[in-house]
Each structure stands twice: as structure tokens, then as C-alpha cells.
Amino acid sequence: MSEVSSLTGRLLVATPALADPNFDRAVVLLLDHDEEGSLGVILNRPTPVGVGDILESWAALAGEPGVVFQGGPVSLDSALGVGVVPGEGHEKGARGAAAPPGDGPLGWRRVHGAIGLVDLEAPPELLAAALGSLRIFAGYAGWGPGQLEDELVEGAWYVVESEPGDVSSPDPTHLWRAVLRRQRNELAMVATYPDDPSLN
């Protein structure tokens, strides 16, 4: 198999052509992407369930809205924490390079730049001072080897750079348009695509 260029830390933005209802207008943060497959969380699917209802000890650190997000259709009974640690990711070699052991606060593992996975088994006090934002996701989106690459070839996703603020967007339901609108190419026009093209 040819070398897979890692898209870890990038955003997958669903194209209007993507037919899978699980991913309609989805913005997916890729947490892992290599020749063995891909894993990410949907950033713009808030649920009505409060973080305090399932992970009471982490509720105070979860940003607004303080709800659990549906990270994807796989393993809906498992929780993933994604946290932004301000000031991380600016040191030399952070972009794309594997973080050296001990890099960042205890209980946090860098994914890309200032964005990382939070160990929800750890005591929240370990991370309270370092975390700029925290989002809790139930489930995740997963692709087997080569599956995401096939979807990219089919035109199901736009791949764009993530920003730390995407993880903690206070208005997640408008994230799809916001991410597209900030692109400096023809993708900015896609942000104006109507929710129901038949009404055009």
C-alpha cells in the first residue's frame, strides 16, 4: 500500500453531495489517520444531554454549551474528551511531528498543535489549570484502511485546516458554514449552499 499522508488534526467538512445522513453537514476533526484507518469526532452535533449527567466531575471544565456531542455513529456508549491547551503547539516541530513523551500537561495527549485527547479516567484537577476548553463526545466516526481515501476521491469531503476554536465553538450548529466561509478559495462559496436545494 502506498504511504498515506496523515490528515491527523485536519477537518473533514461534508460536501453537499455526501448522502450519508450520519454526516449531513458534518465537520469532523480527525484525531488519527494512517494506513490502518481513520478516527475522528463530529464537532457540530450537540445532544440534549448535559456533561454533568454522565461525567459529573468534568462538567465544570466543559465549555458552553455544556452538553455531550455525538462524535459519530460508532461506540455511542463510549466517551472521548478533546481539549485545547493554550500555548501548546507553537514550539518548534509541533506541527505534524510526534509529541515527545511528557509534552503537555499530564492527562492530555497532543493530537495536533494545541488540540489533544483528554484522559477522562484522570482526576479533572490535573488538567483544570491548563485546559482552555474541553468538549465531551459520545461515540466517534471511524474508517477502515483506505476507506476515507476512497470517500475523498468520490468527493464526499473537503479537507481543510483546523483551528483550536473549532473544538470549542460556542455556536456548533453553524460550524459547517463558518469553517467553509473562512476558506480563501471557492469553498467559501459553498457556505451559501441552501439547506434544501429543491427550494432554490
C-alpha atoms as a PDB file:
ATOM      1  CA  MET A   1       0.000   0.000   0.000  1.00  0.00           C
ATOM      2  CA  SER A   2       1.288   3.467  -0.821  1.00  0.00           C
ATOM      3  CA  GLU A   3       2.342   5.764   2.013  1.00  0.00           C
ATOM      4  CA  VAL A   4      -0.730   7.501   3.452  1.00  0.00           C
ATOM      5  CA  SER A   5      -0.231  11.211   4.010  1.00  0.00           C
ATOM      6  CA  SER A   6      -1.591  11.841   7.502  1.00  0.00           C
ATOM      7  CA  LEU A   7      -4.543  14.165   7.806  1.00  0.00           C
ATOM      8  CA  THR A   8      -4.491  13.982  11.630  1.00  0.00           C
ATOM      9  CA  GLY A   9      -5.592  17.296  13.087  1.00  0.00           C
ATOM     10  CA  ARG A  10      -7.326  18.442   9.896  1.00  0.00           C
ATOM     11  CA  LEU A  11     -11.061  18.914   9.419  1.00  0.00           C
ATOM     12  CA  LEU A  12     -13.259  16.880   7.117  1.00  0.00           C
ATOM     13  CA  VAL A  13     -16.162  19.055   6.007  1.00  0.00           C
ATOM     14  CA  ALA A  14     -19.044  17.146   4.417  1.00  0.00           C
ATOM     15  CA  THR A  15     -19.765  18.225   0.854  1.00  0.00           C
ATOM     16  CA  PRO A  16     -23.394  18.902  -0.108  1.00  0.00           C
ATOM     17  CA  ALA A  17     -23.138  15.712  -2.222  1.00  0.00           C
ATOM     18  CA  LEU A  18     -22.470  13.439   0.784  1.00  0.00           C
ATOM     19  CA  ALA A  19     -25.605  11.294   1.069  1.00  0.00           C
ATOM     20  CA  ASP A  20     -24.993   9.556   4.439  1.00  0.00           C
ATOM     21  CA  PRO A  21     -27.420  11.145   6.969  1.00  0.00           C
ATOM     22  CA  ASN A  22     -24.904  10.457   9.784  1.00  0.00           C
ATOM     23  CA  PHE A  23     -22.625  13.036   8.176  1.00  0.00           C
ATOM     24  CA  ASP A  24     -25.035  15.601   6.701  1.00  0.00           C
ATOM     25  CA  ARG A  25     -23.264  18.992   7.055  1.00  0.00           C
ATOM     26  CA  ALA A  26     -20.785  17.365   9.455  1.00  0.00           C
ATOM     27  CA  VAL A  27     -17.465  18.910  10.468  1.00  0.00           C
ATOM     28  CA  VAL A  28     -15.161  16.082  11.605  1.00  0.00           C
ATOM     29  CA  LEU A  29     -11.898  16.633  13.470  1.00  0.00           C
ATOM     30  CA  LEU A  30      -9.527  13.798  12.525  1.00  0.00           C
ATOM     31  CA  LEU A  31      -7.853  12.508  15.685  1.00  0.00           C
ATOM     32  CA  ASP A  32      -5.973   9.723  13.937  1.00  0.00           C
ATOM     33  CA  HIS A  33      -5.263   8.953  10.276  1.00  0.00           C
ATOM     34  CA  ASP A  34      -2.770   6.425   8.972  1.00  0.00           C
ATOM     35  CA  GLU A  35      -2.583   3.291   6.806  1.00  0.00           C
ATOM     36  CA  GLU A  36      -4.598   1.361   9.418  1.00  0.00           C
ATOM     37  CA  GLY A  37      -7.598   3.677   9.109  1.00  0.00           C
ATOM     38  CA  SER A  38      -9.005   6.909  10.476  1.00  0.00           C
ATOM     39  CA  LEU A  39     -10.842   8.093  13.553  1.00  0.00           C
ATOM     40  CA  GLY A  40     -12.461  11.436  14.248  1.00  0.00           C
ATOM     41  CA  VAL A  41     -15.265  13.230  16.068  1.00  0.00           C
ATOM     42  CA  ILE A  42     -18.094  15.312  14.637  1.00  0.00           C
ATOM     43  CA  LEU A  43     -17.740  18.810  16.121  1.00  0.00           C
ATOM     44  CA  ASN A  44     -21.219  20.111  15.287  1.00  0.00           C
ATOM     45  CA  ARG A  45     -23.687  17.592  16.766  1.00  0.00           C
ATOM     46  CA  PRO A  46     -24.677  18.765  20.264  1.00  0.00           C
ATOM     47  CA  THR A  47     -27.094  16.485  22.132  1.00  0.00           C
ATOM     48  CA  PRO A  48     -29.590  17.499  24.839  1.00  0.00           C
ATOM     49  CA  VAL A  49     -27.581  15.503  27.415  1.00  0.00           C
ATOM     50  CA  GLY A  50     -25.592  17.609  29.874  1.00  0.00           C
ATOM     51  CA  VAL A  51     -21.963  16.669  30.575  1.00  0.00           C
ATOM     52  CA  GLY A  52     -22.868  16.607  34.290  1.00  0.00           C
ATOM     53  CA  ASP A  53     -25.422  13.874  33.610  1.00  0.00           C
ATOM     54  CA  ILE A  54     -22.755  11.377  32.534  1.00  0.00           C
ATOM     55  CA  LEU A  55     -19.375  12.763  33.701  1.00  0.00           C
ATOM     56  CA  GLU A  56     -20.188  14.958  36.672  1.00  0.00           C
ATOM     57  CA  SER A  57     -16.547  15.514  37.642  1.00  0.00           C
ATOM     58  CA  TRP A  58     -15.742  17.023  34.219  1.00  0.00           C
ATOM     59  CA  ALA A  59     -18.857  19.216  33.904  1.00  0.00           C
ATOM     60  CA  ALA A  60     -17.229  22.350  35.328  1.00  0.00           C
ATOM     61  CA  LEU A  61     -14.451  22.192  32.690  1.00  0.00           C
ATOM     62  CA  ALA A  62     -16.738  21.598  29.681  1.00  0.00           C
ATOM     63  CA  GLY A  63     -17.288  24.763  27.648  1.00  0.00           C
ATOM     64  CA  GLU A  64     -20.611  26.191  26.501  1.00  0.00           C
ATOM     65  CA  PRO A  65     -22.892  24.625  25.581  1.00  0.00           C
ATOM     66  CA  GLY A  66     -22.172  22.248  28.470  1.00  0.00           C
ATOM     67  CA  VAL A  67     -23.598  19.241  26.651  1.00  0.00           C
ATOM     68  CA  VAL A  68     -22.271  15.981  25.280  1.00  0.00           C
ATOM     69  CA  PHE A  69     -21.736  15.952  21.499  1.00  0.00           C
ATOM     70  CA  GLN A  70     -22.461  12.977  19.267  1.00  0.00           C
ATOM     71  CA  GLY A  71     -18.976  12.308  17.950  1.00  0.00           C
ATOM     72  CA  GLY A  72     -20.139   9.817  15.353  1.00  0.00           C
ATOM     73  CA  PRO A  73     -22.104   6.622  14.791  1.00  0.00           C
ATOM     74  CA  VAL A  74     -19.503   4.222  16.279  1.00  0.00           C
ATOM     75  CA  SER A  75     -19.422   3.224  20.007  1.00  0.00           C
ATOM     76  CA  LEU A  76     -22.085   5.662  21.179  1.00  0.00           C
ATOM     77  CA  ASP A  77     -21.703   4.297  24.716  1.00  0.00           C
ATOM     78  CA  SER A  78     -18.082   5.444  24.994  1.00  0.00           C
ATOM     79  CA  ALA A  79     -16.904   8.979  25.796  1.00  0.00           C
ATOM     80  CA  LEU A  80     -13.960  10.884  24.323  1.00  0.00           C
ATOM     81  CA  GLY A  81     -12.640  14.168  25.688  1.00  0.00           C
ATOM     82  CA  VAL A  82     -10.993  16.660  23.326  1.00  0.00           C
ATOM     83  CA  GLY A  83      -9.246  19.573  24.993  1.00  0.00           C
ATOM     84  CA  VAL A  84      -7.365  22.641  23.862  1.00  0.00           C
ATOM     85  CA  VAL A  85      -4.318  23.643  25.896  1.00  0.00           C
ATOM     86  CA  PRO A  86      -3.447  27.291  25.116  1.00  0.00           C
ATOM     87  CA  GLY A  87       0.216  27.903  24.387  1.00  0.00           C
ATOM     88  CA  GLU A  88       0.802  24.305  23.267  1.00  0.00           C
ATOM     89  CA  GLY A  89       1.675  23.614  19.657  1.00  0.00           C
ATOM     90  CA  HIS A  90       3.767  26.706  18.997  1.00  0.00           C
ATOM     91  CA  GLU A  91       7.114  25.170  19.798  1.00  0.00           C
ATOM     92  CA  LYS A  92       9.449  24.020  17.025  1.00  0.00           C
ATOM     93  CA  GLY A  93       8.453  20.745  15.408  1.00  0.00           C
ATOM     94  CA  ALA A  94       4.969  20.566  16.920  1.00  0.00           C
ATOM     95  CA  ARG A  95       3.210  20.705  13.558  1.00  0.00           C
ATOM     96  CA  GLY A  96       2.966  17.183  12.217  1.00  0.00           C
ATOM     97  CA  ALA A  97       5.719  15.845  14.472  1.00  0.00           C
ATOM     98  CA  ALA A  98       5.013  13.304  17.163  1.00  0.00           C
ATOM     99  CA  ALA A  99       4.965  14.964  20.557  1.00  0.00           C
ATOM    100  CA  PRO A 100       7.857  13.892  22.770  1.00  0.00           C
ATOM    101  CA  PRO A 101       6.881  11.987  25.929  1.00  0.00           C
ATOM    102  CA  GLY A 102       5.924  14.299  28.776  1.00  0.00           C
ATOM    103  CA  ASP A 103       4.923  17.053  26.357  1.00  0.00           C
ATOM    104  CA  GLY A 104       1.876  18.983  27.559  1.00  0.00           C
ATOM    105  CA  PRO A 105       0.037  18.513  30.853  1.00  0.00           C
ATOM    106  CA  LEU A 106      -0.477  15.128  32.487  1.00  0.00           C
ATOM    107  CA  GLY A 107      -3.727  13.519  31.303  1.00  0.00           C
ATOM    108  CA  TRP A 108      -3.594  15.196  27.866  1.00  0.00           C
ATOM    109  CA  ARG A 109      -2.119  13.716  24.656  1.00  0.00           C
ATOM    110  CA  ARG A 110      -1.406  16.019  21.743  1.00  0.00           C
ATOM    111  CA  VAL A 111      -3.260  15.279  18.501  1.00  0.00           C
ATOM    112  CA  HIS A 112      -2.285  18.397  16.559  1.00  0.00           C
ATOM    113  CA  GLY A 113      -0.949  21.746  17.766  1.00  0.00           C
ATOM    114  CA  ALA A 114      -2.902  22.852  20.863  1.00  0.00           C
ATOM    115  CA  ILE A 115      -5.598  20.177  20.362  1.00  0.00           C
ATOM    116  CA  GLY A 116      -5.343  16.899  22.256  1.00  0.00           C
ATOM    117  CA  LEU A 117      -7.192  13.970  23.788  1.00  0.00           C
ATOM    118  CA  VAL A 118      -8.077  14.171  27.463  1.00  0.00           C
ATOM    119  CA  ASP A 119      -7.804  11.092  29.671  1.00  0.00           C
ATOM    120  CA  LEU A 120     -11.286  11.055  31.222  1.00  0.00           C
ATOM    121  CA  GLU A 121     -10.078   8.492  33.789  1.00  0.00           C
ATOM    122  CA  ALA A 122      -7.639  11.059  35.204  1.00  0.00           C
ATOM    123  CA  PRO A 123      -8.684  13.416  38.020  1.00  0.00           C
ATOM    124  CA  PRO A 124     -10.017  16.636  36.410  1.00  0.00           C
ATOM    125  CA  GLU A 125      -7.896  18.701  38.857  1.00  0.00           C
ATOM    126  CA  LEU A 126      -4.781  17.540  36.965  1.00  0.00           C
ATOM    127  CA  LEU A 127      -5.900  19.442  33.878  1.00  0.00           C
ATOM    128  CA  ALA A 128      -8.103  22.198  35.276  1.00  0.00           C
ATOM    129  CA  ALA A 129      -5.414  24.903  35.200  1.00  0.00           C
ATOM    130  CA  ALA A 130      -4.054  24.000  31.752  1.00  0.00           C
ATOM    131  CA  LEU A 131      -7.239  23.407  29.743  1.00  0.00           C
ATOM    132  CA  GLY A 132      -8.540  26.288  27.672  1.00  0.00           C
ATOM    133  CA  SER A 133     -11.564  24.288  26.560  1.00  0.00           C
ATOM    134  CA  LEU A 134     -12.993  20.798  26.792  1.00  0.00           C
ATOM    135  CA  ARG A 135     -15.632  19.010  24.738  1.00  0.00           C
ATOM    136  CA  ILE A 136     -17.040  15.589  25.557  1.00  0.00           C
ATOM    137  CA  PHE A 137     -18.093  13.326  22.669  1.00  0.00           C
ATOM    138  CA  ALA A 138     -20.221  10.174  22.797  1.00  0.00           C
ATOM    139  CA  GLY A 139     -19.039   7.895  20.012  1.00  0.00           C
ATOM    140  CA  TYR A 140     -16.790   8.626  17.070  1.00  0.00           C
ATOM    141  CA  ALA A 141     -16.523   8.377  13.304  1.00  0.00           C
ATOM    142  CA  GLY A 142     -14.286   5.602  12.019  1.00  0.00           C
ATOM    143  CA  TRP A 143     -12.976   4.432   8.644  1.00  0.00           C
ATOM    144  CA  GLY A 144     -11.104   1.228   7.806  1.00  0.00           C
ATOM    145  CA  PRO A 145      -7.853   1.150   5.797  1.00  0.00           C
ATOM    146  CA  GLY A 146      -8.288   3.092   2.533  1.00  0.00           C
ATOM    147  CA  GLN A 147     -11.979   3.816   3.194  1.00  0.00           C
ATOM    148  CA  LEU A 148     -11.565   7.544   3.860  1.00  0.00           C
ATOM    149  CA  GLU A 149      -9.243   7.894   0.856  1.00  0.00           C
ATOM    150  CA  ASP A 150     -11.968   6.348  -1.340  1.00  0.00           C
ATOM    151  CA  GLU A 151     -14.526   8.829   0.036  1.00  0.00           C
ATOM    152  CA  LEU A 152     -12.121  11.722  -0.664  1.00  0.00           C
ATOM    153  CA  VAL A 153     -11.700  10.556  -4.280  1.00  0.00           C
ATOM    154  CA  GLU A 154     -15.510  10.350  -4.580  1.00  0.00           C
ATOM    155  CA  GLY A 155     -15.762  13.987  -3.459  1.00  0.00           C
ATOM    156  CA  ALA A 156     -17.608  13.304  -0.180  1.00  0.00           C
ATOM    157  CA  TRP A 157     -15.371  15.574   1.942  1.00  0.00           C
ATOM    158  CA  TYR A 158     -13.464  18.837   1.784  1.00  0.00           C
ATOM    159  CA  VAL A 159     -10.210  18.688   3.782  1.00  0.00           C
ATOM    160  CA  VAL A 160      -9.294  21.970   5.500  1.00  0.00           C
ATOM    161  CA  GLU A 161      -7.043  23.158   8.328  1.00  0.00           C
ATOM    162  CA  SER A 162      -8.494  23.103  11.825  1.00  0.00           C
ATOM    163  CA  GLU A 163      -8.262  25.943  14.314  1.00  0.00           C
ATOM    164  CA  PRO A 164      -8.285  25.388  18.105  1.00  0.00           C
ATOM    165  CA  GLY A 165     -11.520  27.413  18.321  1.00  0.00           C
ATOM    166  CA  ASP A 166     -13.348  24.839  16.169  1.00  0.00           C
ATOM    167  CA  VAL A 167     -13.306  22.356  19.053  1.00  0.00           C
ATOM    168  CA  SER A 168     -14.957  24.831  21.427  1.00  0.00           C
ATOM    169  CA  SER A 169     -17.199  26.777  19.040  1.00  0.00           C
ATOM    170  CA  PRO A 170     -19.959  28.417  21.123  1.00  0.00           C
ATOM    171  CA  ASP A 171     -22.287  28.052  18.123  1.00  0.00           C
ATOM    172  CA  PRO A 172     -21.596  24.495  16.904  1.00  0.00           C
ATOM    173  CA  THR A 173     -24.741  24.227  14.770  1.00  0.00           C
ATOM    174  CA  HIS A 174     -23.325  26.930  12.448  1.00  0.00           C
ATOM    175  CA  LEU A 175     -19.793  25.478  12.327  1.00  0.00           C
ATOM    176  CA  TRP A 176     -20.214  23.938   8.849  1.00  0.00           C
ATOM    177  CA  ARG A 177     -20.874  27.334   7.266  1.00  0.00           C
ATOM    178  CA  ALA A 178     -18.298  29.122   9.447  1.00  0.00           C
ATOM    179  CA  VAL A 179     -15.460  26.739   8.525  1.00  0.00           C
ATOM    180  CA  LEU A 180     -16.268  26.954   4.806  1.00  0.00           C
ATOM    181  CA  ARG A 181     -16.694  30.739   4.913  1.00  0.00           C
ATOM    182  CA  ARG A 182     -13.148  31.269   6.256  1.00  0.00           C
ATOM    183  CA  GLN A 183     -11.540  29.384   3.329  1.00  0.00           C
ATOM    184  CA  ARG A 184      -9.707  31.598   0.839  1.00  0.00           C
ATOM    185  CA  ASN A 185     -10.857  29.755  -2.264  1.00  0.00           C
ATOM    186  CA  GLU A 186     -14.040  28.573  -3.981  1.00  0.00           C
ATOM    187  CA  LEU A 187     -15.031  26.659  -0.831  1.00  0.00           C
ATOM    188  CA  ALA A 188     -16.144  29.954   0.732  1.00  0.00           C
ATOM    189  CA  MET A 189     -18.964  29.974  -1.841  1.00  0.00           C
ATOM    190  CA  VAL A 190     -20.149  26.510  -0.737  1.00  0.00           C
ATOM    191  CA  ALA A 191     -21.058  28.054   2.644  1.00  0.00           C
ATOM    192  CA  THR A 192     -24.019  29.712   0.900  1.00  0.00           C
ATOM    193  CA  TYR A 193     -25.373  26.346  -0.297  1.00  0.00           C
ATOM    194  CA  PRO A 194     -29.032  26.091   0.772  1.00  0.00           C
ATOM    195  CA  ASP A 195     -30.095  23.512   3.352  1.00  0.00           C
ATOM    196  CA  ASP A 196     -32.690  22.242   0.876  1.00  0.00           C
ATOM    197  CA  PRO A 197     -31.549  22.829  -2.740  1.00  0.00           C
ATOM    198  CA  SER A 198     -35.047  21.979  -4.044  1.00  0.00           C
ATOM    199  CA  LEU A 199     -36.254  25.293  -2.554  1.00  0.00           C
ATOM    200  CA  ASN A 200     -33.862  27.258  -4.764  1.00  0.00           C
END
